[in-house]
Amino acid sequence: MNGTEKTKRRRIMIISGDESIIDEIKNSKNALLCKSLILEAEDESMDLTSLEDNSSPARVKKNKNVSLVCVICGAPALGYNFDAISCESCKSFFRRNALRDPPLECPRDASCKITFESRRQCSACRLVKCLQNGMRRDRLLVAEQKAVKRRRRDDDSSLNLDTSLLYPTEFMPPSDANIVFLNYRQPSPPQTRSGLLTSEDLQRIESIQLLYQNRIELARDGLPWNPSEYSLTFLQKLNSHSVPLIRLLTFFKQIPEFSELNVDDKVTLIKFNLLPLLCINCTLSYKIETDQIVETDSDVPWDPSVIQEVYGYEGYLQMRKVFESFVHIAQYDHRIIQLALITLILTKGFSAGEGELEPILNDGMAVYRAQNYYAELLWKYIETMHGRHRAISIWSKIVTHFITWQTLHKRLRDNVQRNLSTTDMSELLPLMKTLFHI
């Protein structure tokens, strides 16, 4: 073989999801010529591993048991998100804030050091570091595009279902409660399918997630109860409910459609709807691994003993079943719960059963329009992100769980009132007196 016919080294790329193939190549005599890369796949639940030859043995990397570090905060990372190696927290942060308008501003000199411990202290500097380390704003629409493809596949293979029962104007359960569940009537399926989320809808959903997170900081100075102190007595544990309730109320006050309502109408909606929403809201702070509810690291966690002390053991068991149903939805997609909370605070007649008569709203049409907007946004989000067929299933479960919780909450609230002594009532926080209609 002469010099002109000498074999040249070729560069070969092998893309495979089968690790046995990769291991076999690496165990061969050419192992030192191999380099592995983890590339972001079209489906976020998959990894594509590519092997290519490399003349430098020092650049050999193993795919198995590799320890990735977030380039933003230094936390353990699982792979690439928006074109940068990042942890789940920074991935979610970038998704929420990359398109913020107006942009984030640093309260100091824009030179905050972003680490695992300090990453929540300055959002502006954290976003700058995300962009400096390769995260791309244009990748934010990738999830939307994937969801549209899933929706189209679901539409093509959807069953001929009678969905009229999934769009109720009112629901009359066979119990002692007489409830109007939703004043809003969902658009017919053909209209919904053609009304996918617009860019404004996507920005609104991202902003809602940010507003929900802001509730902790905004309510920090206005809490009537110290969340870092342990509650020992029945009264203390009941009064400790005021902390997540005020934070949830702070979240609602940031929603433009709610803040612009008639003042008396807002008071009515808060008085009759806020307390029933506490259980649903807590699913967003539930830690499965510890079986605790904790909204922020400085809070004393709620465990089953707190719920049992306030609502009794039987009440706890009943509440647990409903709570776990909502937890399943929250773990699947927490934004569904956030949008549902807004929809429900705007629901006239959400509080179930007899008791103090709920006043007539001064501007019922304004409340109706606001609820109509968020109920439609909720449906469009579920259908766009999860497909029409799955959206019908999710929507029906949400409706069922809500109605079950309505009737159960009325019994639990009445039981708490019966257990309150005269002394307890005098020491009950004003907010709790109002919400328990005492």
Protein backbone atom coordinates (compact mmCIF):
# COMPACT_ATOMS: atom_id res chain seq x y z
CA MET A 1 0.00 0.00 0.00
CA ASN A 2 1.58 3.31 -1.07
CA GLY A 3 1.32 6.61 0.76
CA THR A 4 -1.55 7.94 -1.33
CA GLU A 5 -3.60 4.87 -0.46
CA LYS A 6 -2.90 5.03 3.29
CA THR A 7 -6.06 4.59 5.29
CA LYS A 8 -7.34 7.83 6.77
CA ARG A 9 -8.92 8.07 10.19
CA ARG A 10 -12.65 8.61 9.91
CA ARG A 11 -15.00 10.34 12.29
CA ILE A 12 -18.08 8.24 13.06
CA MET A 13 -21.07 9.30 15.15
CA ILE A 14 -23.27 6.63 16.72
CA ILE A 15 -26.57 7.67 18.22
CA SER A 16 -28.16 5.09 20.47
CA GLY A 17 -30.40 4.78 23.50
CA ASP A 18 -29.05 1.26 24.19
CA GLU A 19 -26.31 1.51 26.81
CA SER A 20 -25.16 -2.04 26.11
CA ILE A 21 -24.02 -0.96 22.64
CA ILE A 22 -22.15 1.98 24.11
CA ASP A 23 -20.47 -0.22 26.74
CA GLU A 24 -19.42 -2.75 24.11
CA ILE A 25 -17.73 -0.04 22.05
CA LYS A 26 -16.02 1.43 25.08
CA ASN A 27 -14.71 -1.98 26.14
CA SER A 28 -13.13 -2.56 22.75
CA LYS A 29 -9.51 -1.83 21.92
CA ASN A 30 -10.56 1.56 20.51
CA ALA A 31 -12.05 2.71 23.80
CA LEU A 32 -9.57 5.54 24.16
CA LEU A 33 -10.73 6.99 20.87
CA CYS A 34 -14.32 7.31 22.03
CA LYS A 35 -16.01 10.33 23.46
CA SER A 36 -19.55 10.37 24.81
CA LEU A 37 -21.95 13.27 24.84
CA ILE A 38 -25.45 13.61 26.22
CA LEU A 39 -27.60 15.57 23.82
CA GLU A 40 -31.05 17.02 24.48
CA ALA A 41 -33.63 14.88 22.72
CA GLU A 42 -36.93 15.97 21.19
CA ASP A 43 -38.68 14.27 24.06
CA GLU A 44 -37.47 15.63 27.42
CA SER A 45 -37.90 12.21 29.01
CA MET A 46 -35.23 10.66 26.73
CA ASP A 47 -31.45 11.03 26.35
CA LEU A 48 -29.50 10.52 23.15
CA THR A 49 -25.94 9.34 23.67
CA SER A 50 -23.47 9.93 20.87
CA LEU A 51 -20.02 8.41 20.56
CA GLU A 52 -17.35 9.87 18.34
CA ASP A 53 -13.68 9.11 17.98
CA ASN A 54 -11.22 11.53 19.51
CA SER A 55 -7.50 11.47 19.22
CA SER A 56 -6.95 12.76 22.76
CA PRO A 57 -7.24 10.03 25.42
CA ALA A 58 -7.47 12.72 28.08
CA ARG A 59 -10.88 13.73 26.75
CA VAL A 60 -12.47 10.33 27.39
CA LYS A 61 -15.71 10.65 29.36
CA LYS A 62 -17.97 7.95 30.69
CA ASN A 63 -21.70 8.28 30.28
CA LYS A 64 -22.59 6.13 33.26
CA ASN A 65 -22.66 7.61 36.74
CA VAL A 66 -21.51 10.99 35.46
CA SER A 67 -21.90 13.82 37.98
CA LEU A 68 -23.22 16.95 36.31
CA VAL A 69 -23.15 20.30 38.07
CA CYS A 70 -25.49 23.19 37.37
CA VAL A 71 -23.50 25.98 35.71
CA ILE A 72 -25.70 28.59 37.39
CA CYS A 73 -25.84 27.60 41.07
CA GLY A 74 -23.61 24.55 41.41
CA ALA A 75 -26.37 22.13 42.43
CA PRO A 76 -26.47 18.56 41.03
CA ALA A 77 -27.82 18.59 37.46
CA LEU A 78 -29.39 15.93 35.28
CA GLY A 79 -28.66 17.32 31.84
CA TYR A 80 -29.13 20.17 29.40
CA ASN A 81 -32.01 22.62 29.77
CA PHE A 82 -32.37 25.47 27.28
CA ASP A 83 -28.85 24.66 26.00
CA ALA A 84 -27.06 24.74 29.37
CA ILE A 85 -26.37 22.14 32.03
CA SER A 86 -28.66 23.10 34.89
CA CYS A 87 -30.59 21.78 37.87
CA GLU A 88 -34.38 21.54 37.98
CA SER A 89 -34.62 24.69 40.09
CA CYS A 90 -32.66 26.87 37.65
CA LYS A 91 -34.50 25.28 34.74
CA SER A 92 -37.84 26.29 36.28
CA PHE A 93 -36.49 29.72 37.21
CA PHE A 94 -35.39 30.41 33.63
CA ARG A 95 -38.71 29.22 32.26
CA ARG A 96 -40.54 31.64 34.55
CA ASN A 97 -38.35 34.70 34.14
CA ALA A 98 -36.59 34.68 30.77
CA LEU A 99 -39.40 36.58 29.05
CA ARG A 100 -40.26 38.90 31.91
CA ASP A 101 -41.53 42.31 30.86
CA PRO A 102 -40.49 44.61 32.45
CA PRO A 103 -37.14 42.87 33.05
CA LEU A 104 -35.88 42.00 36.52
CA GLU A 105 -33.79 44.56 38.37
CA CYS A 106 -31.14 43.95 41.00
CA PRO A 107 -31.80 45.93 44.23
CA ARG A 108 -28.04 46.22 44.78
CA ASP A 109 -25.18 46.76 42.32
CA ALA A 110 -25.97 43.87 39.90
CA SER A 111 -22.98 41.87 41.11
CA CYS A 112 -24.65 39.33 43.39
CA LYS A 113 -22.87 36.00 43.68
CA ILE A 114 -25.21 33.18 42.70
CA THR A 115 -24.67 29.90 44.55
CA PHE A 116 -26.85 27.04 45.72
CA GLU A 117 -27.44 28.87 49.01
CA SER A 118 -27.97 32.36 47.57
CA ARG A 119 -29.75 31.62 44.28
CA ARG A 120 -33.13 32.80 45.62
CA GLN A 121 -31.83 36.12 46.94
CA CYS A 122 -31.53 37.98 43.63
CA SER A 123 -33.58 36.92 40.62
CA ALA A 124 -32.07 39.56 38.33
CA CYS A 125 -28.47 38.40 38.80
CA ARG A 126 -29.54 34.77 38.61
CA LEU A 127 -31.18 35.41 35.23
CA VAL A 128 -28.06 37.23 33.98
CA LYS A 129 -25.94 34.24 34.99
CA CYS A 130 -28.35 31.89 33.19
CA LEU A 131 -27.94 33.85 29.97
CA GLN A 132 -24.17 34.22 30.38
CA ASN A 133 -23.84 30.45 30.75
CA GLY A 134 -25.67 29.65 27.54
CA MET A 135 -29.38 29.44 28.34
CA ARG A 136 -31.45 30.57 25.36
CA ARG A 137 -34.77 32.39 25.43
CA ASP A 138 -35.80 30.98 22.07
CA ARG A 139 -35.89 27.48 23.55
CA LEU A 140 -38.84 28.38 25.77
CA LEU A 141 -41.29 27.66 22.97
CA VAL A 142 -39.99 24.13 22.46
CA ALA A 143 -42.30 22.72 25.14
CA GLU A 144 -45.26 24.48 23.53
CA GLN A 145 -44.40 23.04 20.12
CA LYS A 146 -44.13 19.55 21.55
CA ALA A 147 -47.45 19.94 23.31
CA VAL A 148 -49.12 21.03 20.07
CA LYS A 149 -47.83 17.87 18.37
CA ARG A 150 -49.21 15.73 21.22
CA ARG A 151 -52.52 17.54 21.01
CA ARG A 152 -52.77 16.91 17.28
CA ARG A 153 -52.03 13.23 17.78
CA ASP A 154 -54.69 13.02 20.46
CA ASP A 155 -57.18 14.83 18.23
CA ASP A 156 -56.54 12.41 15.37
CA SER A 157 -57.16 9.39 17.56
CA SER A 158 -59.72 10.86 19.95
CA LEU A 159 -62.80 8.89 20.84
CA ASN A 160 -66.32 10.04 20.06
CA LEU A 161 -67.10 11.12 23.61
CA ASP A 162 -70.11 13.06 24.79
CA THR A 163 -68.28 15.87 26.55
CA SER A 164 -71.35 17.96 27.38
CA LEU A 165 -71.34 16.65 30.95
CA LEU A 166 -67.78 17.91 31.42
CA TYR A 167 -68.81 21.54 30.90
CA PRO A 168 -71.43 22.06 33.63
CA THR A 169 -73.02 25.42 34.45
CA GLU A 170 -74.01 24.02 37.81
CA PHE A 171 -73.85 20.80 39.74
CA MET A 172 -76.41 19.57 42.27
CA PRO A 173 -74.85 16.79 44.36
CA PRO A 174 -77.14 14.27 46.03
CA SER A 175 -75.97 15.32 49.50
CA ASP A 176 -77.36 17.96 51.85
CA ALA A 177 -75.32 20.63 50.04
CA ASN A 178 -76.86 22.85 47.40
CA ILE A 179 -73.96 24.23 45.38
CA VAL A 180 -73.40 26.18 42.21
CA PHE A 181 -69.96 24.81 41.33
CA LEU A 182 -69.02 26.92 38.33
CA ASN A 183 -70.89 29.84 36.82
CA TYR A 184 -68.60 29.48 33.83
CA ARG A 185 -69.66 27.29 30.92
CA GLN A 186 -66.71 25.83 29.03
CA PRO A 187 -66.64 26.47 25.26
CA SER A 188 -67.63 23.56 23.07
CA PRO A 189 -64.75 21.23 22.13
CA PRO A 190 -64.41 22.50 18.51
CA GLN A 191 -63.93 26.08 19.76
CA THR A 192 -61.45 24.99 22.38
CA ARG A 193 -59.35 22.99 19.93
CA SER A 194 -58.94 26.00 17.69
CA GLY A 195 -58.13 28.34 20.61
CA LEU A 196 -54.65 27.22 21.62
CA LEU A 197 -52.57 29.24 24.01
CA THR A 198 -51.37 32.51 22.54
CA SER A 199 -48.05 34.11 23.43
CA GLU A 200 -49.98 36.40 25.79
CA ASP A 201 -51.55 33.35 27.44
CA LEU A 202 -48.13 31.77 27.92
CA GLN A 203 -46.72 34.93 29.45
CA ARG A 204 -49.72 35.17 31.77
CA ILE A 205 -49.25 31.58 32.95
CA GLU A 206 -45.54 32.20 33.55
CA SER A 207 -46.33 35.38 35.47
CA ILE A 208 -48.89 33.53 37.62
CA GLN A 209 -46.19 31.10 38.68
CA LEU A 210 -43.93 34.02 39.62
CA LEU A 211 -46.74 35.75 41.53
CA TYR A 212 -47.40 32.56 43.43
CA GLN A 213 -43.77 32.38 44.51
CA ASN A 214 -43.77 36.07 45.45
CA ARG A 215 -46.55 35.50 47.99
CA ILE A 216 -44.02 34.29 50.60
CA GLU A 217 -41.83 37.39 50.51
CA LEU A 218 -44.69 39.89 50.13
CA ALA A 219 -46.53 38.50 53.14
CA ARG A 220 -43.44 38.19 55.34
CA ASP A 221 -44.12 41.35 57.41
CA GLY A 222 -47.88 40.95 57.73
CA LEU A 223 -48.22 37.57 59.39
CA PRO A 224 -50.20 37.42 62.66
CA TRP A 225 -48.49 34.16 63.58
CA ASN A 226 -44.79 33.27 63.64
CA PRO A 227 -44.42 30.33 61.22
CA SER A 228 -41.05 29.38 62.72
CA GLU A 229 -42.57 28.62 66.16
CA TYR A 230 -43.96 25.21 67.01
CA SER A 231 -47.69 25.03 67.73
CA LEU A 232 -48.60 22.80 70.69
CA THR A 233 -52.26 23.34 71.55
CA PHE A 234 -55.42 22.99 69.48
CA LEU A 235 -55.85 26.78 69.42
CA GLN A 236 -52.23 27.39 68.38
CA LYS A 237 -52.44 24.89 65.53
CA LEU A 238 -55.69 26.42 64.36
CA ASN A 239 -54.22 29.93 64.49
CA SER A 240 -51.15 28.69 62.57
CA HIS A 241 -53.52 28.20 59.60
CA SER A 242 -53.47 31.98 59.22
CA VAL A 243 -49.95 31.88 57.74
CA PRO A 244 -50.66 29.91 54.53
CA LEU A 245 -54.06 31.63 54.28
CA ILE A 246 -52.56 35.13 54.29
CA ARG A 247 -49.89 34.04 51.81
CA LEU A 248 -52.58 32.61 49.55
CA LEU A 249 -54.58 35.83 49.87
CA THR A 250 -51.43 37.77 48.94
CA PHE A 251 -51.20 35.66 45.79
CA PHE A 252 -54.79 36.52 44.83
CA LYS A 253 -54.23 40.24 45.47
CA GLN A 254 -51.52 40.21 42.80
CA ILE A 255 -53.94 38.89 40.17
CA PRO A 256 -55.14 41.96 38.20
CA GLU A 257 -58.66 40.67 37.56
CA PHE A 258 -59.14 39.99 41.28
CA SER A 259 -57.59 43.21 42.58
CA GLU A 260 -59.82 45.31 40.29
CA LEU A 261 -63.09 43.85 41.63
CA ASN A 262 -65.51 45.78 43.80
CA VAL A 263 -64.10 46.00 47.34
CA ASP A 264 -67.17 44.46 49.01
CA ASP A 265 -67.23 41.67 46.41
CA LYS A 266 -63.60 40.83 47.17
CA VAL A 267 -64.42 40.63 50.88
CA THR A 268 -67.32 38.27 50.13
CA LEU A 269 -65.22 35.99 47.93
CA ILE A 270 -62.43 35.88 50.52
CA LYS A 271 -64.76 35.22 53.44
CA PHE A 272 -66.56 32.33 51.76
CA ASN A 273 -63.91 30.87 49.45
CA LEU A 274 -60.45 31.33 50.99
CA LEU A 275 -60.62 28.69 53.73
CA PRO A 276 -61.90 25.87 51.46
CA LEU A 277 -58.95 26.55 49.15
CA LEU A 278 -56.35 25.96 51.88
CA CYS A 279 -56.33 22.18 51.40
CA ILE A 280 -55.91 22.50 47.64
CA ASN A 281 -53.19 25.13 48.03
CA CYS A 282 -51.20 22.94 50.44
CA THR A 283 -50.70 20.31 47.73
CA LEU A 284 -48.19 22.68 46.10
CA SER A 285 -46.04 22.63 49.28
CA TYR A 286 -46.40 18.95 50.11
CA LYS A 287 -43.19 16.93 50.40
CA ILE A 288 -43.91 13.30 49.60
CA GLU A 289 -40.61 12.01 50.95
CA THR A 290 -41.26 13.43 54.46
CA ASP A 291 -45.08 13.50 54.43
CA GLN A 292 -45.00 17.16 55.45
CA ILE A 293 -46.35 20.47 54.22
CA VAL A 294 -43.74 23.25 54.23
CA GLU A 295 -43.99 26.45 52.18
CA THR A 296 -40.54 27.80 52.97
CA ASP A 297 -37.45 26.52 54.77
CA SER A 298 -37.96 28.84 57.74
CA ASP A 299 -41.42 27.43 58.49
CA VAL A 300 -42.13 24.70 61.00
CA PRO A 301 -43.45 21.88 58.78
CA TRP A 302 -47.01 20.64 59.10
CA ASP A 303 -47.22 16.90 59.59
CA PRO A 304 -50.30 14.66 60.04
CA SER A 305 -50.38 15.41 63.79
CA VAL A 306 -51.30 19.06 63.09
CA ILE A 307 -54.24 18.07 60.90
CA GLN A 308 -55.41 15.40 63.35
CA GLU A 309 -55.30 17.86 66.25
CA VAL A 310 -57.48 20.41 64.43
CA TYR A 311 -59.89 18.21 62.49
CA GLY A 312 -59.86 14.95 64.48
CA TYR A 313 -58.62 11.55 63.37
CA GLU A 314 -61.69 10.66 61.32
CA GLY A 315 -61.64 14.09 59.69
CA TYR A 316 -57.95 13.65 58.95
CA LEU A 317 -58.55 10.31 57.19
CA GLN A 318 -61.34 11.80 55.07
CA MET A 319 -59.29 14.87 54.25
CA ARG A 320 -56.27 12.72 53.41
CA LYS A 321 -58.11 10.93 50.59
CA VAL A 322 -59.15 14.19 48.94
CA PHE A 323 -55.76 15.78 49.56
CA GLU A 324 -53.91 12.91 47.90
CA SER A 325 -56.18 13.24 44.86
CA PHE A 326 -55.12 16.88 44.49
CA VAL A 327 -51.48 16.00 45.23
CA HIS A 328 -51.53 13.66 42.25
CA ILE A 329 -52.61 16.55 40.00
CA ALA A 330 -50.12 18.96 41.59
CA GLN A 331 -47.23 16.51 41.09
CA TYR A 332 -48.33 15.96 37.50
CA ASP A 333 -48.50 19.69 36.71
CA HIS A 334 -48.49 22.30 39.50
CA ARG A 335 -49.68 25.04 37.16
CA ILE A 336 -53.05 23.31 36.90
CA ILE A 337 -53.52 23.81 40.65
CA GLN A 338 -52.36 27.45 40.49
CA LEU A 339 -54.87 28.28 37.74
CA ALA A 340 -57.59 26.31 39.51
CA LEU A 341 -57.04 28.30 42.71
CA ILE A 342 -57.69 31.56 40.86
CA THR A 343 -60.76 30.13 39.15
CA LEU A 344 -62.20 28.94 42.45
CA ILE A 345 -61.61 32.11 44.47
CA LEU A 346 -63.76 33.80 41.81
CA THR A 347 -66.58 31.26 42.16
CA LYS A 348 -69.83 32.56 43.66
CA GLY A 349 -71.32 29.89 45.90
CA PHE A 350 -68.19 27.77 46.23
CA SER A 351 -68.63 27.39 50.00
CA ALA A 352 -70.94 24.43 50.56
CA GLY A 353 -73.86 23.87 52.87
CA GLU A 354 -76.02 25.99 55.12
CA GLY A 355 -74.70 28.67 57.40
CA GLU A 356 -74.21 32.39 57.09
CA LEU A 357 -76.01 33.61 53.99
CA GLU A 358 -73.59 34.61 51.25
CA PRO A 359 -74.31 38.19 50.12
CA ILE A 360 -75.28 39.05 46.57
CA LEU A 361 -72.33 40.51 44.66
CA ASN A 362 -72.44 44.20 43.78
CA ASP A 363 -70.86 43.59 40.38
CA GLY A 364 -71.49 39.93 39.64
CA MET A 365 -70.71 40.36 35.95
CA ALA A 366 -67.16 41.51 36.69
CA VAL A 367 -66.60 38.42 38.84
CA TYR A 368 -68.17 36.24 36.14
CA ARG A 369 -65.93 37.69 33.42
CA ALA A 370 -62.81 37.24 35.54
CA GLN A 371 -63.69 33.65 36.39
CA ASN A 372 -64.65 32.95 32.79
CA TYR A 373 -61.21 34.13 31.64
CA TYR A 374 -59.28 31.93 34.07
CA ALA A 375 -61.47 28.88 33.63
CA GLU A 376 -60.95 29.10 29.88
CA LEU A 377 -57.21 29.68 30.38
CA LEU A 378 -57.09 26.60 32.61
CA TRP A 379 -58.82 24.44 30.01
CA LYS A 380 -56.69 25.74 27.14
CA TYR A 381 -53.52 25.15 29.16
CA ILE A 382 -54.42 21.56 30.03
CA GLU A 383 -55.47 20.74 26.47
CA THR A 384 -52.43 22.42 24.91
CA MET A 385 -49.87 20.88 27.25
CA HIS A 386 -51.38 17.43 27.71
CA GLY A 387 -53.61 16.78 24.68
CA ARG A 388 -57.37 16.82 24.30
CA HIS A 389 -58.04 13.24 25.37
CA ARG A 390 -56.00 13.60 28.57
CA ALA A 391 -57.40 17.08 29.18
CA ILE A 392 -60.94 15.66 29.34
CA SER A 393 -59.80 13.14 31.93
CA ILE A 394 -57.94 15.74 34.00
CA TRP A 395 -60.83 18.20 33.86
CA SER A 396 -63.38 15.62 34.99
CA LYS A 397 -61.14 14.61 37.92
CA ILE A 398 -60.70 18.23 38.95
CA VAL A 399 -64.46 18.79 38.98
CA THR A 400 -65.08 15.57 40.92
CA HIS A 401 -62.40 16.28 43.53
CA PHE A 402 -63.58 19.87 44.00
CA ILE A 403 -67.17 18.85 44.67
CA THR A 404 -66.10 16.10 47.06
CA TRP A 405 -63.98 18.60 48.96
CA GLN A 406 -66.81 21.15 49.11
CA THR A 407 -69.13 18.82 51.01
CA LEU A 408 -66.36 17.42 53.24
CA HIS A 409 -64.99 20.85 54.13
CA LYS A 410 -68.38 21.99 55.44
CA ARG A 411 -68.50 19.06 57.89
CA LEU A 412 -64.90 19.61 59.00
CA ARG A 413 -65.49 23.32 59.57
CA ASP A 414 -68.59 22.61 61.66
CA ASN A 415 -66.61 20.09 63.72
CA VAL A 416 -63.89 22.65 64.45
CA GLN A 417 -66.49 25.18 65.61
CA ARG A 418 -68.01 22.64 68.00
CA ASN A 419 -64.59 21.93 69.52
CA LEU A 420 -63.83 25.59 70.17
CA SER A 421 -64.32 26.58 73.78
CA THR A 422 -65.41 30.05 74.81
CA THR A 423 -61.82 30.85 75.78
CA ASP A 424 -60.53 29.57 72.44
CA MET A 425 -62.98 31.76 70.53
CA SER A 426 -61.81 34.86 72.40
CA GLU A 427 -58.17 34.08 71.54
CA LEU A 428 -58.80 33.03 67.95
CA LEU A 429 -57.14 35.35 65.44
CA PRO A 430 -59.55 37.80 63.73
CA LEU A 431 -58.82 36.30 60.31
CA MET A 432 -59.70 32.82 61.52
CA LYS A 433 -62.91 34.09 63.15
CA THR A 434 -63.94 35.64 59.86
CA LEU A 435 -63.18 32.57 57.77
CA PHE A 436 -64.88 30.23 60.23
CA HIS A 437 -67.88 32.61 60.31
CA ILE A 438 -67.64 33.10 64.07
